[in-house]
Amino acid sequence: MKKPVLTVMTFLFVLCVGRAADFPDMPPVKEGMWKIHSVDTAPGQPPTDSTMSLCRNHAYDQHVRDVAQKTLSTCNTLSDVKLGSKRTLTISCKISGSTITTKSVLTATGDNYYRSESETTYSPALYGQSHLSSVNEQTYVGACPSGMAPGDRMLANGEIQHRNLQLPAQH
């Protein structure tokens, strides 16, 4: 899968999780280390399965939401419905001459687990992609390891990627 398509999906998931805080009965995301497991399926291609861990805090999450909002300024929310612990969000974006429509169902379990199931269509196809199904699970695993700061990632092979973000101080 091409990186621009994956980036759009990542931003949509972050927006969906981030906007969950708009509902008082949905808990904010817990600060610390999160394991993120994703499976993406596109027609005619084998599924891609990836796992990584991400060190996060509220300032980092807000930073990502801010970047996503600016990046996705050409997007419109078509529907946004909350029912119990589930939230269904449908967004349509114009990117590189293509209309990308994503319907995501986000399920929260406390402040330590989020699951998103998404169906995305691209019209016309973008980078050869016309449809994508994604399942993304995020699970809180504990405090960030020593030497890791918010925004740093640990890949499945143990490699740490530092983001060196300048985040605002927390209150």
N, C-alpha and C. Protein backbone atom coordinates (compact mmCIF):
# COMPACT_ATOMS: atom_id res chain seq x y z
N MET A 1 0.85 -1.18 0.00
CA MET A 1 0.00 0.00 0.00
C MET A 1 0.90 1.24 0.00
N LYS A 2 0.51 2.23 -0.72
CA LYS A 2 1.28 3.47 -0.80
C LYS A 2 1.15 4.26 0.49
N LYS A 3 2.22 4.94 0.88
CA LYS A 3 2.24 5.69 2.12
C LYS A 3 1.16 6.77 2.22
N PRO A 4 0.87 7.57 1.17
CA PRO A 4 -0.18 8.59 1.32
C PRO A 4 -1.53 8.01 1.72
N VAL A 5 -1.86 6.83 1.20
CA VAL A 5 -3.14 6.21 1.54
C VAL A 5 -3.12 5.80 3.00
N LEU A 6 -2.03 5.19 3.45
CA LEU A 6 -1.90 4.79 4.85
C LEU A 6 -1.96 6.01 5.76
N THR A 7 -1.33 7.09 5.38
CA THR A 7 -1.34 8.31 6.19
C THR A 7 -2.76 8.83 6.37
N VAL A 8 -3.56 8.82 5.33
CA VAL A 8 -4.94 9.26 5.44
C VAL A 8 -5.68 8.39 6.45
N MET A 9 -5.52 7.07 6.35
CA MET A 9 -6.20 6.16 7.28
C MET A 9 -5.75 6.42 8.72
N THR A 10 -4.46 6.64 8.93
CA THR A 10 -3.94 6.89 10.27
C THR A 10 -4.55 8.17 10.83
N PHE A 11 -4.58 9.23 10.04
CA PHE A 11 -5.16 10.49 10.52
C PHE A 11 -6.63 10.33 10.85
N LEU A 12 -7.37 9.60 10.00
CA LEU A 12 -8.79 9.41 10.28
C LEU A 12 -8.99 8.67 11.59
N PHE A 13 -8.15 7.65 11.86
CA PHE A 13 -8.28 6.93 13.12
C PHE A 13 -7.96 7.84 14.31
N VAL A 14 -6.91 8.64 14.20
CA VAL A 14 -6.55 9.55 15.28
C VAL A 14 -7.66 10.56 15.53
N LEU A 15 -8.24 11.09 14.44
CA LEU A 15 -9.35 12.03 14.61
C LEU A 15 -10.52 11.37 15.32
N CYS A 16 -10.82 10.15 14.93
CA CYS A 16 -11.94 9.44 15.54
C CYS A 16 -11.68 9.20 17.02
N VAL A 17 -10.51 8.69 17.38
CA VAL A 17 -10.17 8.46 18.79
C VAL A 17 -10.10 9.79 19.52
N GLY A 18 -9.45 10.78 18.91
CA GLY A 18 -9.29 12.07 19.57
C GLY A 18 -10.62 12.75 19.82
N ARG A 19 -11.54 12.64 18.87
CA ARG A 19 -12.83 13.28 19.04
C ARG A 19 -13.70 12.51 20.01
N ALA A 20 -13.29 11.30 20.40
CA ALA A 20 -14.05 10.55 21.40
C ALA A 20 -14.13 11.34 22.70
N ALA A 21 -13.13 12.17 22.96
CA ALA A 21 -13.13 12.98 24.17
C ALA A 21 -14.25 14.01 24.17
N ASP A 22 -14.84 14.27 22.99
CA ASP A 22 -15.97 15.20 22.92
C ASP A 22 -17.20 14.65 23.63
N PHE A 23 -17.21 13.34 23.88
CA PHE A 23 -18.34 12.72 24.56
C PHE A 23 -17.94 12.47 26.02
N PRO A 24 -18.66 13.04 26.98
CA PRO A 24 -18.26 12.93 28.37
C PRO A 24 -18.21 11.51 28.90
N ASP A 25 -18.96 10.56 28.32
CA ASP A 25 -18.95 9.20 28.84
C ASP A 25 -17.88 8.32 28.20
N MET A 26 -17.08 8.86 27.26
CA MET A 26 -15.96 8.11 26.69
C MET A 26 -14.68 8.57 27.38
N PRO A 27 -13.91 7.64 27.94
CA PRO A 27 -12.72 8.04 28.70
C PRO A 27 -11.62 8.58 27.80
N PRO A 28 -10.81 9.52 28.32
CA PRO A 28 -9.65 9.97 27.55
C PRO A 28 -8.64 8.82 27.44
N VAL A 29 -7.82 8.89 26.41
CA VAL A 29 -6.81 7.87 26.21
C VAL A 29 -5.79 7.95 27.34
N LYS A 30 -5.46 6.82 27.92
CA LYS A 30 -4.51 6.74 29.02
C LYS A 30 -3.09 7.07 28.52
N GLU A 31 -2.34 7.81 29.30
CA GLU A 31 -0.96 8.14 28.93
C GLU A 31 -0.04 6.96 29.21
N GLY A 32 0.94 6.75 28.31
CA GLY A 32 1.90 5.67 28.47
C GLY A 32 2.15 4.96 27.16
N MET A 33 2.56 3.69 27.26
CA MET A 33 2.91 2.89 26.09
C MET A 33 1.68 2.14 25.59
N TRP A 34 1.45 2.24 24.28
CA TRP A 34 0.31 1.60 23.63
C TRP A 34 0.81 0.65 22.54
N LYS A 35 0.30 -0.56 22.53
CA LYS A 35 0.57 -1.51 21.46
C LYS A 35 -0.50 -1.28 20.39
N ILE A 36 -0.07 -1.14 19.16
CA ILE A 36 -0.99 -0.87 18.05
C ILE A 36 -0.85 -1.99 17.02
N HIS A 37 -1.96 -2.69 16.79
CA HIS A 37 -1.98 -3.78 15.83
C HIS A 37 -2.96 -3.41 14.72
N SER A 38 -2.49 -3.47 13.48
CA SER A 38 -3.33 -3.10 12.32
C SER A 38 -3.31 -4.20 11.27
N VAL A 39 -4.47 -4.44 10.69
CA VAL A 39 -4.58 -5.35 9.54
C VAL A 39 -5.35 -4.60 8.47
N ASP A 40 -4.73 -4.44 7.30
CA ASP A 40 -5.33 -3.75 6.17
C ASP A 40 -5.53 -4.75 5.04
N THR A 41 -6.70 -4.72 4.41
CA THR A 41 -7.01 -5.64 3.32
C THR A 41 -7.52 -4.83 2.13
N ALA A 42 -6.89 -5.05 0.97
CA ALA A 42 -7.29 -4.40 -0.27
C ALA A 42 -7.55 -5.49 -1.31
N PRO A 43 -8.50 -5.26 -2.22
CA PRO A 43 -8.82 -6.26 -3.23
C PRO A 43 -7.58 -6.66 -4.04
N GLY A 44 -7.42 -7.98 -4.23
CA GLY A 44 -6.33 -8.48 -5.06
C GLY A 44 -4.96 -8.46 -4.40
N GLN A 45 -4.90 -8.09 -3.12
CA GLN A 45 -3.62 -8.04 -2.41
C GLN A 45 -3.72 -8.84 -1.12
N PRO A 46 -2.60 -9.43 -0.69
CA PRO A 46 -2.64 -10.12 0.60
C PRO A 46 -2.79 -9.09 1.72
N PRO A 47 -3.43 -9.46 2.82
CA PRO A 47 -3.56 -8.52 3.94
C PRO A 47 -2.19 -8.10 4.47
N THR A 48 -2.09 -6.86 4.91
CA THR A 48 -0.87 -6.42 5.58
C THR A 48 -1.17 -6.36 7.07
N ASP A 49 -0.27 -6.93 7.84
CA ASP A 49 -0.43 -7.05 9.29
C ASP A 49 0.78 -6.38 9.93
N SER A 50 0.54 -5.41 10.80
CA SER A 50 1.67 -4.72 11.44
C SER A 50 1.38 -4.49 12.92
N THR A 51 2.45 -4.50 13.69
CA THR A 51 2.36 -4.23 15.12
C THR A 51 3.51 -3.32 15.50
N MET A 52 3.23 -2.33 16.32
CA MET A 52 4.26 -1.44 16.86
C MET A 52 3.74 -0.95 18.21
N SER A 53 4.60 -0.28 18.94
CA SER A 53 4.20 0.34 20.20
C SER A 53 4.50 1.83 20.12
N LEU A 54 3.68 2.62 20.77
CA LEU A 54 3.80 4.07 20.70
C LEU A 54 3.73 4.64 22.11
N CYS A 55 4.70 5.48 22.45
CA CYS A 55 4.68 6.20 23.72
C CYS A 55 3.85 7.46 23.50
N ARG A 56 2.82 7.66 24.35
CA ARG A 56 1.96 8.81 24.13
C ARG A 56 1.53 9.45 25.44
N ASN A 57 1.23 10.74 25.33
CA ASN A 57 0.60 11.47 26.43
C ASN A 57 -0.44 12.40 25.82
N HIS A 58 -1.16 13.14 26.63
CA HIS A 58 -2.23 13.97 26.11
C HIS A 58 -1.70 15.06 25.17
N ALA A 59 -0.52 15.63 25.47
CA ALA A 59 0.06 16.66 24.61
C ALA A 59 0.41 16.07 23.23
N TYR A 60 0.96 14.87 23.21
CA TYR A 60 1.27 14.21 21.94
C TYR A 60 -0.01 13.96 21.14
N ASP A 61 -1.04 13.42 21.81
CA ASP A 61 -2.30 13.15 21.12
C ASP A 61 -2.89 14.43 20.54
N GLN A 62 -2.82 15.52 21.29
CA GLN A 62 -3.34 16.80 20.78
C GLN A 62 -2.52 17.28 19.58
N HIS A 63 -1.21 17.11 19.65
CA HIS A 63 -0.33 17.48 18.53
C HIS A 63 -0.74 16.72 17.26
N VAL A 64 -0.96 15.41 17.38
CA VAL A 64 -1.35 14.60 16.22
C VAL A 64 -2.72 15.04 15.70
N ARG A 65 -3.66 15.31 16.60
CA ARG A 65 -4.98 15.80 16.16
C ARG A 65 -4.86 17.12 15.42
N ASP A 66 -4.01 18.03 15.94
CA ASP A 66 -3.82 19.33 15.28
C ASP A 66 -3.25 19.17 13.87
N VAL A 67 -2.23 18.30 13.73
CA VAL A 67 -1.64 18.05 12.42
C VAL A 67 -2.68 17.42 11.49
N ALA A 68 -3.44 16.46 12.01
CA ALA A 68 -4.46 15.80 11.20
C ALA A 68 -5.52 16.79 10.74
N GLN A 69 -5.97 17.68 11.63
CA GLN A 69 -6.99 18.66 11.27
C GLN A 69 -6.50 19.56 10.13
N LYS A 70 -5.23 20.00 10.21
CA LYS A 70 -4.68 20.85 9.16
C LYS A 70 -4.53 20.08 7.85
N THR A 71 -4.03 18.84 7.95
CA THR A 71 -3.80 18.02 6.77
C THR A 71 -5.11 17.67 6.08
N LEU A 72 -6.15 17.43 6.87
CA LEU A 72 -7.43 16.99 6.32
C LEU A 72 -8.43 18.13 6.24
N SER A 73 -7.94 19.33 5.95
CA SER A 73 -8.82 20.50 5.89
C SER A 73 -9.83 20.41 4.74
N THR A 74 -9.60 19.51 3.78
CA THR A 74 -10.54 19.35 2.67
C THR A 74 -11.57 18.27 2.96
N CYS A 75 -11.68 17.84 4.21
CA CYS A 75 -12.59 16.75 4.57
C CYS A 75 -13.89 17.29 5.15
N ASN A 76 -14.94 16.51 4.98
CA ASN A 76 -16.25 16.82 5.55
C ASN A 76 -16.73 15.62 6.36
N THR A 77 -17.30 15.88 7.52
CA THR A 77 -17.90 14.83 8.31
C THR A 77 -19.31 14.61 7.78
N LEU A 78 -19.58 13.40 7.29
CA LEU A 78 -20.88 13.08 6.73
C LEU A 78 -21.84 12.61 7.82
N SER A 79 -21.31 11.87 8.80
CA SER A 79 -22.12 11.46 9.94
C SER A 79 -21.20 11.16 11.11
N ASP A 80 -21.74 11.32 12.31
CA ASP A 80 -20.98 11.10 13.54
C ASP A 80 -22.01 10.71 14.60
N VAL A 81 -22.09 9.41 14.90
CA VAL A 81 -23.12 8.90 15.80
C VAL A 81 -22.46 8.11 16.92
N LYS A 82 -22.89 8.39 18.14
CA LYS A 82 -22.39 7.67 19.32
C LYS A 82 -23.54 6.88 19.91
N LEU A 83 -23.29 5.59 20.16
CA LEU A 83 -24.28 4.74 20.78
C LEU A 83 -23.55 3.81 21.75
N GLY A 84 -23.73 4.06 23.05
CA GLY A 84 -23.02 3.26 24.05
C GLY A 84 -21.52 3.47 23.93
N SER A 85 -20.77 2.37 23.87
CA SER A 85 -19.31 2.46 23.77
C SER A 85 -18.83 2.49 22.33
N LYS A 86 -19.75 2.62 21.38
CA LYS A 86 -19.38 2.65 19.95
C LYS A 86 -19.66 4.01 19.36
N ARG A 87 -18.79 4.38 18.46
CA ARG A 87 -18.95 5.62 17.72
C ARG A 87 -18.75 5.32 16.25
N THR A 88 -19.68 5.75 15.41
CA THR A 88 -19.56 5.55 13.97
C THR A 88 -19.35 6.92 13.32
N LEU A 89 -18.26 7.03 12.58
CA LEU A 89 -17.86 8.28 11.97
C LEU A 89 -17.64 8.05 10.48
N THR A 90 -18.29 8.85 9.64
CA THR A 90 -18.08 8.78 8.20
C THR A 90 -17.54 10.12 7.74
N ILE A 91 -16.38 10.07 7.06
CA ILE A 91 -15.69 11.27 6.60
C ILE A 91 -15.40 11.13 5.11
N SER A 92 -15.53 12.24 4.39
CA SER A 92 -15.20 12.27 2.97
C SER A 92 -14.15 13.36 2.75
N CYS A 93 -13.09 13.00 2.01
CA CYS A 93 -11.99 13.94 1.76
C CYS A 93 -11.67 13.98 0.27
N LYS A 94 -11.22 15.14 -0.19
CA LYS A 94 -10.71 15.29 -1.56
C LYS A 94 -9.20 15.38 -1.45
N ILE A 95 -8.51 14.40 -2.03
CA ILE A 95 -7.05 14.38 -1.99
C ILE A 95 -6.55 13.93 -3.37
N SER A 96 -5.64 14.71 -3.94
CA SER A 96 -5.03 14.39 -5.23
C SER A 96 -6.07 14.04 -6.29
N GLY A 97 -7.19 14.78 -6.33
CA GLY A 97 -8.21 14.56 -7.34
C GLY A 97 -9.13 13.38 -7.07
N SER A 98 -8.98 12.73 -5.95
CA SER A 98 -9.81 11.58 -5.61
C SER A 98 -10.67 11.90 -4.39
N THR A 99 -11.88 11.36 -4.37
CA THR A 99 -12.74 11.48 -3.19
C THR A 99 -12.55 10.21 -2.37
N ILE A 100 -12.12 10.39 -1.13
CA ILE A 100 -11.89 9.28 -0.22
C ILE A 100 -12.98 9.33 0.84
N THR A 101 -13.76 8.25 0.92
CA THR A 101 -14.83 8.19 1.91
C THR A 101 -14.54 7.02 2.85
N THR A 102 -14.49 7.33 4.13
CA THR A 102 -14.20 6.32 5.15
C THR A 102 -15.32 6.28 6.18
N LYS A 103 -15.79 5.07 6.43
CA LYS A 103 -16.73 4.85 7.53
C LYS A 103 -16.00 4.01 8.57
N SER A 104 -15.86 4.55 9.78
CA SER A 104 -15.17 3.87 10.86
C SER A 104 -16.11 3.65 12.02
N VAL A 105 -16.00 2.48 12.63
CA VAL A 105 -16.71 2.18 13.86
C VAL A 105 -15.65 2.03 14.94
N LEU A 106 -15.69 2.93 15.92
CA LEU A 106 -14.73 2.93 17.01
C LEU A 106 -15.40 2.38 18.25
N THR A 107 -14.75 1.42 18.89
CA THR A 107 -15.25 0.87 20.14
C THR A 107 -14.21 1.12 21.22
N ALA A 108 -14.65 1.69 22.32
CA ALA A 108 -13.77 1.95 23.46
C ALA A 108 -14.13 1.00 24.59
N THR A 109 -13.10 0.46 25.23
CA THR A 109 -13.28 -0.35 26.43
C THR A 109 -12.45 0.31 27.52
N GLY A 110 -13.11 1.09 28.37
CA GLY A 110 -12.38 1.83 29.39
C GLY A 110 -11.44 2.82 28.75
N ASP A 111 -10.34 3.12 29.45
CA ASP A 111 -9.35 4.06 28.91
C ASP A 111 -8.11 3.34 28.41
N ASN A 112 -8.23 1.99 28.23
CA ASN A 112 -7.03 1.24 27.87
C ASN A 112 -7.17 0.36 26.63
N TYR A 113 -8.27 0.50 25.87
CA TYR A 113 -8.42 -0.30 24.65
C TYR A 113 -9.36 0.42 23.69
N TYR A 114 -8.92 0.56 22.45
CA TYR A 114 -9.74 1.11 21.37
C TYR A 114 -9.61 0.20 20.16
N ARG A 115 -10.71 -0.01 19.47
CA ARG A 115 -10.71 -0.80 18.24
C ARG A 115 -11.46 0.01 17.19
N SER A 116 -10.89 0.06 15.99
CA SER A 116 -11.53 0.74 14.88
C SER A 116 -11.61 -0.23 13.71
N GLU A 117 -12.81 -0.32 13.14
CA GLU A 117 -13.02 -1.08 11.92
C GLU A 117 -13.46 -0.09 10.86
N SER A 118 -12.71 -0.02 9.75
CA SER A 118 -12.96 1.00 8.74
C SER A 118 -13.09 0.39 7.35
N GLU A 119 -13.96 1.01 6.57
CA GLU A 119 -14.12 0.70 5.15
C GLU A 119 -13.89 2.00 4.40
N THR A 120 -12.96 1.98 3.45
CA THR A 120 -12.61 3.18 2.70
C THR A 120 -12.74 2.92 1.21
N THR A 121 -13.35 3.88 0.51
CA THR A 121 -13.41 3.81 -0.95
C THR A 121 -12.72 5.05 -1.53
N TYR A 122 -12.10 4.86 -2.69
CA TYR A 122 -11.37 5.92 -3.39
C TYR A 122 -11.98 6.05 -4.78
N SER A 123 -12.48 7.25 -5.12
CA SER A 123 -13.13 7.45 -6.41
C SER A 123 -12.67 8.76 -7.05
N PRO A 124 -11.94 8.71 -8.16
CA PRO A 124 -11.37 7.51 -8.76
C PRO A 124 -10.25 6.95 -7.87
N ALA A 125 -9.75 5.79 -8.27
CA ALA A 125 -8.69 5.13 -7.50
C ALA A 125 -7.54 6.10 -7.24
N LEU A 126 -6.92 5.97 -6.08
CA LEU A 126 -5.77 6.80 -5.69
C LEU A 126 -4.57 5.88 -5.53
N TYR A 127 -3.50 6.16 -6.28
CA TYR A 127 -2.30 5.31 -6.28
C TYR A 127 -2.67 3.85 -6.52
N GLY A 128 -3.65 3.62 -7.41
CA GLY A 128 -4.07 2.27 -7.73
C GLY A 128 -5.01 1.64 -6.71
N GLN A 129 -5.36 2.36 -5.68
CA GLN A 129 -6.19 1.85 -4.59
C GLN A 129 -7.63 2.31 -4.78
N SER A 130 -8.61 1.36 -4.77
CA SER A 130 -10.01 1.74 -4.89
C SER A 130 -10.82 1.41 -3.64
N HIS A 131 -10.32 0.46 -2.83
CA HIS A 131 -11.04 0.06 -1.61
C HIS A 131 -10.03 -0.47 -0.59
N LEU A 132 -10.30 -0.21 0.66
CA LEU A 132 -9.43 -0.69 1.74
C LEU A 132 -10.29 -0.97 2.96
N SER A 133 -10.08 -2.15 3.55
CA SER A 133 -10.70 -2.49 4.83
C SER A 133 -9.59 -2.52 5.86
N SER A 134 -9.83 -1.92 7.03
CA SER A 134 -8.81 -1.85 8.07
C SER A 134 -9.40 -2.18 9.43
N VAL A 135 -8.61 -2.89 10.22
CA VAL A 135 -8.92 -3.12 11.62
C VAL A 135 -7.70 -2.65 12.40
N ASN A 136 -7.93 -1.76 13.35
CA ASN A 136 -6.84 -1.19 14.14
C ASN A 136 -7.21 -1.38 15.61
N GLU A 137 -6.33 -2.03 16.37
CA GLU A 137 -6.55 -2.22 17.80
C GLU A 137 -5.41 -1.55 18.56
N GLN A 138 -5.77 -0.74 19.54
CA GLN A 138 -4.78 -0.08 20.38
C GLN A 138 -5.03 -0.50 21.82
N THR A 139 -3.97 -1.02 22.46
CA THR A 139 -4.07 -1.52 23.83
C THR A 139 -3.00 -0.88 24.69
N TYR A 140 -3.40 -0.35 25.83
CA TYR A 140 -2.47 0.23 26.79
C TYR A 140 -1.67 -0.91 27.43
N VAL A 141 -0.33 -0.75 27.49
CA VAL A 141 0.50 -1.82 28.07
C VAL A 141 1.27 -1.38 29.30
N GLY A 142 1.28 -0.09 29.64
CA GLY A 142 1.97 0.38 30.85
C GLY A 142 2.74 1.66 30.59
N ALA A 143 3.61 1.97 31.50
CA ALA A 143 4.43 3.18 31.38
C ALA A 143 5.39 3.06 30.20
N CYS A 144 5.76 4.20 29.65
CA CYS A 144 6.75 4.20 28.57
C CYS A 144 8.10 3.78 29.15
N PRO A 145 8.86 2.95 28.42
CA PRO A 145 10.17 2.54 28.90
C PRO A 145 11.12 3.74 29.04
N SER A 146 12.08 3.60 29.89
CA SER A 146 13.10 4.62 30.07
C SER A 146 13.77 4.92 28.73
N GLY A 147 13.97 6.19 28.44
CA GLY A 147 14.61 6.58 27.19
C GLY A 147 13.63 6.85 26.07
N MET A 148 12.34 6.59 26.31
CA MET A 148 11.34 6.87 25.28
C MET A 148 10.49 8.04 25.73
N ALA A 149 10.21 8.95 24.79
CA ALA A 149 9.40 10.14 25.05
C ALA A 149 8.12 10.05 24.21
N PRO A 150 7.10 10.84 24.57
CA PRO A 150 5.88 10.83 23.76
C PRO A 150 6.19 11.07 22.28
N GLY A 151 5.58 10.22 21.44
CA GLY A 151 5.81 10.29 20.00
C GLY A 151 6.82 9.26 19.52
N ASP A 152 7.63 8.72 20.42
CA ASP A 152 8.60 7.69 20.04
C ASP A 152 7.87 6.38 19.79
N ARG A 153 8.36 5.63 18.79
CA ARG A 153 7.76 4.34 18.44
C ARG A 153 8.76 3.22 18.65
N MET A 154 8.23 2.05 19.00
CA MET A 154 9.04 0.83 19.06
C MET A 154 8.45 -0.14 18.04
N LEU A 155 9.27 -0.50 17.06
CA LEU A 155 8.81 -1.42 16.02
C LEU A 155 8.77 -2.84 16.58
N ALA A 156 8.14 -3.74 15.84
CA ALA A 156 8.00 -5.13 16.29
C ALA A 156 9.35 -5.79 16.54
N ASN A 157 10.41 -5.36 15.82
CA ASN A 157 11.74 -5.94 16.00
C ASN A 157 12.50 -5.32 17.17
N GLY A 158 11.87 -4.40 17.92
CA GLY A 158 12.50 -3.78 19.08
C GLY A 158 13.21 -2.46 18.77
N GLU A 159 13.33 -2.12 17.49
CA GLU A 159 13.98 -0.86 17.11
C GLU A 159 13.14 0.31 17.60
N ILE A 160 13.79 1.31 18.20
CA ILE A 160 13.11 2.51 18.69
C ILE A 160 13.37 3.65 17.72
N GLN A 161 12.28 4.32 17.33
CA GLN A 161 12.38 5.48 16.46
C GLN A 161 11.97 6.70 17.28
N HIS A 162 12.93 7.60 17.48
CA HIS A 162 12.67 8.81 18.26
C HIS A 162 12.10 9.89 17.35
N ARG A 163 11.07 10.58 17.81
CA ARG A 163 10.42 11.63 17.03
C ARG A 163 10.93 13.02 17.37
N ASN A 164 11.54 13.18 18.52
CA ASN A 164 12.09 14.48 18.94
C ASN A 164 11.09 15.62 18.74
N LEU A 165 9.89 15.44 19.24
CA LEU A 165 8.85 16.45 19.13
C LEU A 165 8.98 17.48 20.23
N GLN A 166 8.72 18.70 19.90
CA GLN A 166 8.68 19.78 20.89
C GLN A 166 7.22 19.98 21.28
N LEU A 167 6.81 19.29 22.32
CA LEU A 167 5.41 19.35 22.75
C LEU A 167 5.26 20.39 23.84
N PRO A 168 4.09 21.04 23.92
CA PRO A 168 3.86 22.01 24.99
C PRO A 168 3.87 21.32 26.35
N ALA A 169 4.28 22.07 27.36
CA ALA A 169 4.29 21.53 28.73
C ALA A 169 2.88 21.21 29.16
N GLN A 170 2.74 20.15 29.95
CA GLN A 170 1.41 19.79 30.46
C GLN A 170 1.15 20.47 31.76
N HIS A 171 -0.14 20.70 32.03
CA HIS A 171 -0.55 21.38 33.26
C HIS A 171 -1.01 20.38 34.28
